[in-house]
C-alpha atoms as a PDB file:
ATOM      1  CA  UNK A   1      93.834   6.909 -75.444  1.00  0.00           C
ATOM      2  CA  UNK A   2      96.604   5.121 -77.371  1.00  0.00           C
ATOM      3  CA  UNK A   3      99.988   5.161 -75.632  1.00  0.00           C
ATOM      4  CA  UNK A   4     101.626   7.030 -78.526  1.00  0.00           C
ATOM      5  CA  UNK A   5      99.234   9.934 -77.920  1.00  0.00           C
ATOM      6  CA  UNK A   6     100.163  10.145 -74.226  1.00  0.00           C
ATOM      7  CA  UNK A   7     103.671  11.461 -74.823  1.00  0.00           C
ATOM      8  CA  UNK A   8     103.574  15.017 -76.099  1.00  0.00           C
ATOM      9  CA  UNK A   9     106.449  17.459 -76.149  1.00  0.00           C
ATOM     10  CA  UNK A  10     105.492  21.030 -75.351  1.00  0.00           C
ATOM     11  CA  UNK A  11     107.562  24.162 -75.565  1.00  0.00           C
ATOM     12  CA  UNK A  12     107.255  26.883 -72.937  1.00  0.00           C
ATOM     13  CA  UNK A  13     109.492  29.821 -72.223  1.00  0.00           C
ATOM     14  CA  UNK A  14     111.581  29.719 -69.062  1.00  0.00           C
ATOM     15  CA  UNK A  15     109.433  32.540 -67.677  1.00  0.00           C
ATOM     16  CA  UNK A  16     106.191  30.652 -68.309  1.00  0.00           C
ATOM     17  CA  UNK A  17     107.651  27.481 -66.813  1.00  0.00           C
ATOM     18  CA  UNK A  18     108.769  29.288 -63.648  1.00  0.00           C
ATOM     19  CA  UNK A  19     105.475  31.175 -63.360  1.00  0.00           C
ATOM     20  CA  UNK A  20     103.631  27.843 -63.558  1.00  0.00           C
ATOM     21  CA  UNK A  21     105.938  26.452 -60.893  1.00  0.00           C
ATOM     22  CA  UNK A  22     105.328  29.428 -58.601  1.00  0.00           C
ATOM     23  CA  UNK A  23     101.587  29.031 -59.244  1.00  0.00           C
ATOM     24  CA  UNK A  24     101.865  25.460 -57.932  1.00  0.00           C
ATOM     25  CA  UNK A  25     101.105  23.721 -61.216  1.00  0.00           C
ATOM     26  CA  UNK A  26     104.146  21.434 -60.850  1.00  0.00           C
ATOM     27  CA  UNK A  27     105.190  19.283 -57.925  1.00  0.00           C
ATOM     28  CA  UNK A  28     108.452  17.530 -57.053  1.00  0.00           C
ATOM     29  CA  UNK A  29     107.884  13.910 -56.002  1.00  0.00           C
ATOM     30  CA  UNK A  30     109.755  12.901 -52.841  1.00  0.00           C
ATOM     31  CA  UNK A  31     111.668  10.181 -54.661  1.00  0.00           C
ATOM     32  CA  UNK A  32     113.716  12.893 -56.405  1.00  0.00           C
ATOM     33  CA  UNK A  33     117.190  13.500 -54.985  1.00  0.00           C
ATOM     34  CA  UNK A  34     118.146  16.612 -53.053  1.00  0.00           C
ATOM     35  CA  UNK A  35     119.682  19.630 -54.775  1.00  0.00           C
ATOM     36  CA  UNK A  36     123.379  18.964 -55.406  1.00  0.00           C
ATOM     37  CA  UNK A  37     124.376  21.645 -57.918  1.00  0.00           C
ATOM     38  CA  UNK A  38     127.164  23.987 -56.920  1.00  0.00           C
ATOM     39  CA  UNK A  39     127.443  27.698 -57.739  1.00  0.00           C
ATOM     40  CA  UNK A  40     129.534  27.019 -60.847  1.00  0.00           C
ATOM     41  CA  UNK A  41     126.832  24.721 -62.282  1.00  0.00           C
ATOM     42  CA  UNK A  42     124.253  27.484 -61.892  1.00  0.00           C
ATOM     43  CA  UNK A  43     126.495  30.031 -63.616  1.00  0.00           C
ATOM     44  CA  UNK A  44     127.152  27.602 -66.483  1.00  0.00           C
ATOM     45  CA  UNK A  45     123.410  27.022 -66.909  1.00  0.00           C
ATOM     46  CA  UNK A  46     122.778  30.757 -67.236  1.00  0.00           C
ATOM     47  CA  UNK A  47     125.767  31.106 -69.546  1.00  0.00           C
ATOM     48  CA  UNK A  48     124.209  28.479 -71.822  1.00  0.00           C
ATOM     49  CA  UNK A  49     120.932  30.402 -71.811  1.00  0.00           C
ATOM     50  CA  UNK A  50     122.812  33.654 -72.476  1.00  0.00           C
ATOM     51  CA  UNK A  51     124.545  32.063 -75.480  1.00  0.00           C
ATOM     52  CA  UNK A  52     121.337  30.385 -76.714  1.00  0.00           C
ATOM     53  CA  UNK A  53     122.790  26.913 -76.175  1.00  0.00           C
ATOM     54  CA  UNK A  54     120.382  24.043 -75.512  1.00  0.00           C
ATOM     55  CA  UNK A  55     119.911  23.348 -71.814  1.00  0.00           C
ATOM     56  CA  UNK A  56     118.038  20.084 -72.091  1.00  0.00           C
ATOM     57  CA  UNK A  57     114.438  19.317 -71.496  1.00  0.00           C
ATOM     58  CA  UNK A  58     112.382  19.087 -68.337  1.00  0.00           C
ATOM     59  CA  UNK A  59     110.447  15.846 -68.039  1.00  0.00           C
ATOM     60  CA  UNK A  60     107.005  16.431 -66.535  1.00  0.00           C
ATOM     61  CA  UNK A  61     104.675  13.528 -65.808  1.00  0.00           C
ATOM     62  CA  UNK A  62     100.965  14.315 -66.032  1.00  0.00           C
ATOM     63  CA  UNK A  63      98.929  11.781 -64.100  1.00  0.00           C
ATOM     64  CA  UNK A  64      95.767  11.366 -62.080  1.00  0.00           C
ATOM     65  CA  UNK A  65      97.818   9.771 -59.279  1.00  0.00           C
ATOM     66  CA  UNK A  66      98.502  11.965 -56.266  1.00  0.00           C
ATOM     67  CA  UNK A  67     102.040  11.309 -54.996  1.00  0.00           C
ATOM     68  CA  UNK A  68     103.780  12.461 -51.863  1.00  0.00           C
ATOM     69  CA  UNK A  69     105.688  15.585 -52.874  1.00  0.00           C
ATOM     70  CA  UNK A  70     108.106  18.174 -51.582  1.00  0.00           C
ATOM     71  CA  UNK A  71     106.534  21.193 -49.981  1.00  0.00           C
ATOM     72  CA  UNK A  72     109.106  23.641 -51.320  1.00  0.00           C
ATOM     73  CA  UNK A  73     111.875  24.034 -53.817  1.00  0.00           C
ATOM     74  CA  UNK A  74     114.704  26.430 -53.105  1.00  0.00           C
ATOM     75  CA  UNK A  75     112.738  27.902 -50.212  1.00  0.00           C
ATOM     76  CA  UNK A  76     109.657  28.577 -52.362  1.00  0.00           C
ATOM     77  CA  UNK A  77     106.434  26.882 -51.320  1.00  0.00           C
ATOM     78  CA  UNK A  78     105.071  24.891 -54.248  1.00  0.00           C
ATOM     79  CA  UNK A  79     102.837  22.582 -52.247  1.00  0.00           C
ATOM     80  CA  UNK A  80      99.298  22.232 -53.368  1.00  0.00           C
ATOM     81  CA  UNK A  81      96.993  20.119 -51.256  1.00  0.00           C
ATOM     82  CA  UNK A  82      94.047  20.555 -53.581  1.00  0.00           C
ATOM     83  CA  UNK A  83      92.568  17.403 -55.002  1.00  0.00           C
ATOM     84  CA  UNK A  84      92.752  17.531 -58.763  1.00  0.00           C
ATOM     85  CA  UNK A  85      91.923  15.348 -61.695  1.00  0.00           C
ATOM     86  CA  UNK A  86      95.495  15.815 -62.979  1.00  0.00           C
ATOM     87  CA  UNK A  87      98.856  16.330 -61.270  1.00  0.00           C
ATOM     88  CA  UNK A  88     102.129  17.362 -62.892  1.00  0.00           C
ATOM     89  CA  UNK A  89     105.378  16.042 -61.415  1.00  0.00           C
ATOM     90  CA  UNK A  90     108.878  17.072 -62.434  1.00  0.00           C
ATOM     91  CA  UNK A  91     110.714  13.794 -63.023  1.00  0.00           C
ATOM     92  CA  UNK A  92     113.854  15.121 -64.685  1.00  0.00           C
ATOM     93  CA  UNK A  93     115.201  18.641 -64.417  1.00  0.00           C
ATOM     94  CA  UNK A  94     114.876  19.387 -60.703  1.00  0.00           C
ATOM     95  CA  UNK A  95     118.447  20.723 -60.460  1.00  0.00           C
ATOM     96  CA  UNK A  96     117.906  23.074 -63.408  1.00  0.00           C
ATOM     97  CA  UNK A  97     114.469  24.042 -62.101  1.00  0.00           C
ATOM     98  CA  UNK A  98     115.793  24.864 -58.632  1.00  0.00           C
ATOM     99  CA  UNK A  99     118.699  26.803 -60.123  1.00  0.00           C
ATOM    100  CA  UNK A 100     116.470  28.837 -62.434  1.00  0.00           C
ATOM    101  CA  UNK A 101     113.917  29.566 -59.711  1.00  0.00           C
ATOM    102  CA  UNK A 102     116.369  30.608 -57.006  1.00  0.00           C
ATOM    103  CA  UNK A 103     118.592  32.541 -59.434  1.00  0.00           C
ATOM    104  CA  UNK A 104     115.682  34.767 -60.383  1.00  0.00           C
ATOM    105  CA  UNK A 105     113.636  34.895 -57.193  1.00  0.00           C
ATOM    106  CA  UNK A 106     116.192  34.203 -54.465  1.00  0.00           C
ATOM    107  CA  UNK A 107     115.344  31.675 -51.819  1.00  0.00           C
ATOM    108  CA  UNK A 108     117.360  29.220 -49.817  1.00  0.00           C
ATOM    109  CA  UNK A 109     119.336  26.056 -50.357  1.00  0.00           C
ATOM    110  CA  UNK A 110     119.089  23.437 -47.627  1.00  0.00           C
ATOM    111  CA  UNK A 111     122.368  23.080 -45.774  1.00  0.00           C
ATOM    112  CA  UNK A 112     123.651  26.431 -47.087  1.00  0.00           C
ATOM    113  CA  UNK A 113     121.765  28.904 -44.923  1.00  0.00           C
ATOM    114  CA  UNK A 114     124.416  31.629 -45.298  1.00  0.00           C
ATOM    115  CA  UNK A 115     124.245  31.576 -49.111  1.00  0.00           C
ATOM    116  CA  UNK A 116     121.958  33.839 -51.167  1.00  0.00           C
ATOM    117  CA  UNK A 117     121.190  32.020 -54.458  1.00  0.00           C
ATOM    118  CA  UNK A 118     119.894  35.118 -56.291  1.00  0.00           C
ATOM    119  CA  UNK A 119     122.087  35.713 -59.341  1.00  0.00           C
ATOM    120  CA  UNK A 120     123.473  38.984 -60.688  1.00  0.00           C
ATOM    121  CA  UNK A 121     124.803  39.804 -64.147  1.00  0.00           C
ATOM    122  CA  UNK A 122     127.712  42.099 -64.952  1.00  0.00           C
ATOM    123  CA  UNK A 123     126.507  43.902 -68.075  1.00  0.00           C
ATOM    124  CA  UNK A 124     130.013  45.189 -68.870  1.00  0.00           C
ATOM    125  CA  UNK A 125     131.363  41.732 -69.768  1.00  0.00           C
ATOM    126  CA  UNK A 126     131.172  41.496 -73.543  1.00  0.00           C
ATOM    127  CA  UNK A 127     133.582  38.750 -74.546  1.00  0.00           C
ATOM    128  CA  UNK A 128     132.126  35.291 -74.924  1.00  0.00           C
ATOM    129  CA  UNK A 129     134.884  32.771 -74.366  1.00  0.00           C
ATOM    130  CA  UNK A 130     134.201  29.642 -72.356  1.00  0.00           C
ATOM    131  CA  UNK A 131     135.218  31.157 -69.017  1.00  0.00           C
ATOM    132  CA  UNK A 132     133.487  34.544 -69.126  1.00  0.00           C
ATOM    133  CA  UNK A 133     130.509  33.106 -67.241  1.00  0.00           C
ATOM    134  CA  UNK A 134     132.658  33.297 -64.104  1.00  0.00           C
ATOM    135  CA  UNK A 135     132.848  37.086 -64.504  1.00  0.00           C
ATOM    136  CA  UNK A 136     129.442  37.685 -66.106  1.00  0.00           C
ATOM    137  CA  UNK A 137     127.221  35.795 -63.648  1.00  0.00           C
ATOM    138  CA  UNK A 138     127.766  36.540 -59.976  1.00  0.00           C
ATOM    139  CA  UNK A 139     126.284  35.680 -56.627  1.00  0.00           C
ATOM    140  CA  UNK A 140     126.191  38.321 -53.912  1.00  0.00           C
ATOM    141  CA  UNK A 141     129.245  36.836 -52.201  1.00  0.00           C
ATOM    142  CA  UNK A 142     131.156  37.457 -55.474  1.00  0.00           C
ATOM    143  CA  UNK A 143     130.218  41.143 -55.290  1.00  0.00           C
ATOM    144  CA  UNK A 144     130.406  42.015 -51.612  1.00  0.00           C
ATOM    145  CA  UNK A 145     132.502  40.071 -49.140  1.00  0.00           C
ATOM    146  CA  UNK A 146     131.232  40.418 -45.593  1.00  0.00           C
ATOM    147  CA  UNK A 147     134.560  40.666 -43.794  1.00  0.00           C
ATOM    148  CA  UNK A 148     136.392  42.797 -46.370  1.00  0.00           C
ATOM    149  CA  UNK A 149     139.190  40.283 -46.797  1.00  0.00           C
ATOM    150  CA  UNK A 150     138.770  39.797 -50.535  1.00  0.00           C
ATOM    151  CA  UNK A 151     140.133  42.906 -52.229  1.00  0.00           C
ATOM    152  CA  UNK A 152     139.063  41.688 -55.688  1.00  0.00           C
ATOM    153  CA  UNK A 153     135.453  42.440 -54.773  1.00  0.00           C
ATOM    154  CA  UNK A 154     136.008  46.202 -54.444  1.00  0.00           C
ATOM    155  CA  UNK A 155     135.785  46.897 -58.223  1.00  0.00           C
ATOM    156  CA  UNK A 156     132.692  44.686 -58.467  1.00  0.00           C
ATOM    157  CA  UNK A 157     131.069  46.496 -55.564  1.00  0.00           C
ATOM    158  CA  UNK A 158     131.674  49.804 -57.369  1.00  0.00           C
ATOM    159  CA  UNK A 159     130.137  48.400 -60.567  1.00  0.00           C
ATOM    160  CA  UNK A 160     127.118  47.280 -58.549  1.00  0.00           C
ATOM    161  CA  UNK A 161     126.718  50.748 -57.067  1.00  0.00           C
ATOM    162  CA  UNK A 162     126.789  52.201 -60.617  1.00  0.00           C
ATOM    163  CA  UNK A 163     124.105  49.702 -61.767  1.00  0.00           C
ATOM    164  CA  UNK A 164     126.574  47.913 -64.038  1.00  0.00           C
ATOM    165  CA  UNK A 165     125.968  44.720 -62.105  1.00  0.00           C
ATOM    166  CA  UNK A 166     122.245  44.070 -61.812  1.00  0.00           C
ATOM    167  CA  UNK A 167     120.070  41.425 -60.262  1.00  0.00           C
ATOM    168  CA  UNK A 168     118.934  38.904 -62.867  1.00  0.00           C
ATOM    169  CA  UNK A 169     115.333  39.259 -61.703  1.00  0.00           C
ATOM    170  CA  UNK A 170     115.502  43.006 -62.430  1.00  0.00           C
ATOM    171  CA  UNK A 171     116.434  42.174 -66.022  1.00  0.00           C
ATOM    172  CA  UNK A 172     113.466  39.767 -66.243  1.00  0.00           C
ATOM    173  CA  UNK A 173     111.049  42.303 -64.741  1.00  0.00           C
ATOM    174  CA  UNK A 174     112.173  45.070 -67.116  1.00  0.00           C
ATOM    175  CA  UNK A 175     112.353  42.954 -70.283  1.00  0.00           C
END
């Protein structure tokens, strides 16, 4: 096969991409760095998706070579020990992939055991200036503080109880 024919862009929806990831069709090679994105990066990613901004591409390498790979991503097991004729490794886009996966399906972030990465959306936020993502996209600790010391969370907790703040995965499941 000529080299020019080996590079092919494909276009999948985020849902299809994440379903393929959960079905163990993609692997993360161990030479990839650990997850370093902070909460604000995740919110900005979803804000870009919400506003239909480009979020960049994910570089996937299809090869017959079996590499050592991570067993999980964001607490989700993606390991696949089956021998195959073709493997697919995520070479660029691991931070976005981890953020998308854990935002929708929850999970865990290594070194942050007390943090729930599942994302919620406040459906009452309608303005679209550059900082509304901070109010529109929320993690559970933005909604309900454990020790009751953050009074600003009380209105958000009430919105959550009225289903005005919903889990992002619930939006995906009902779309």
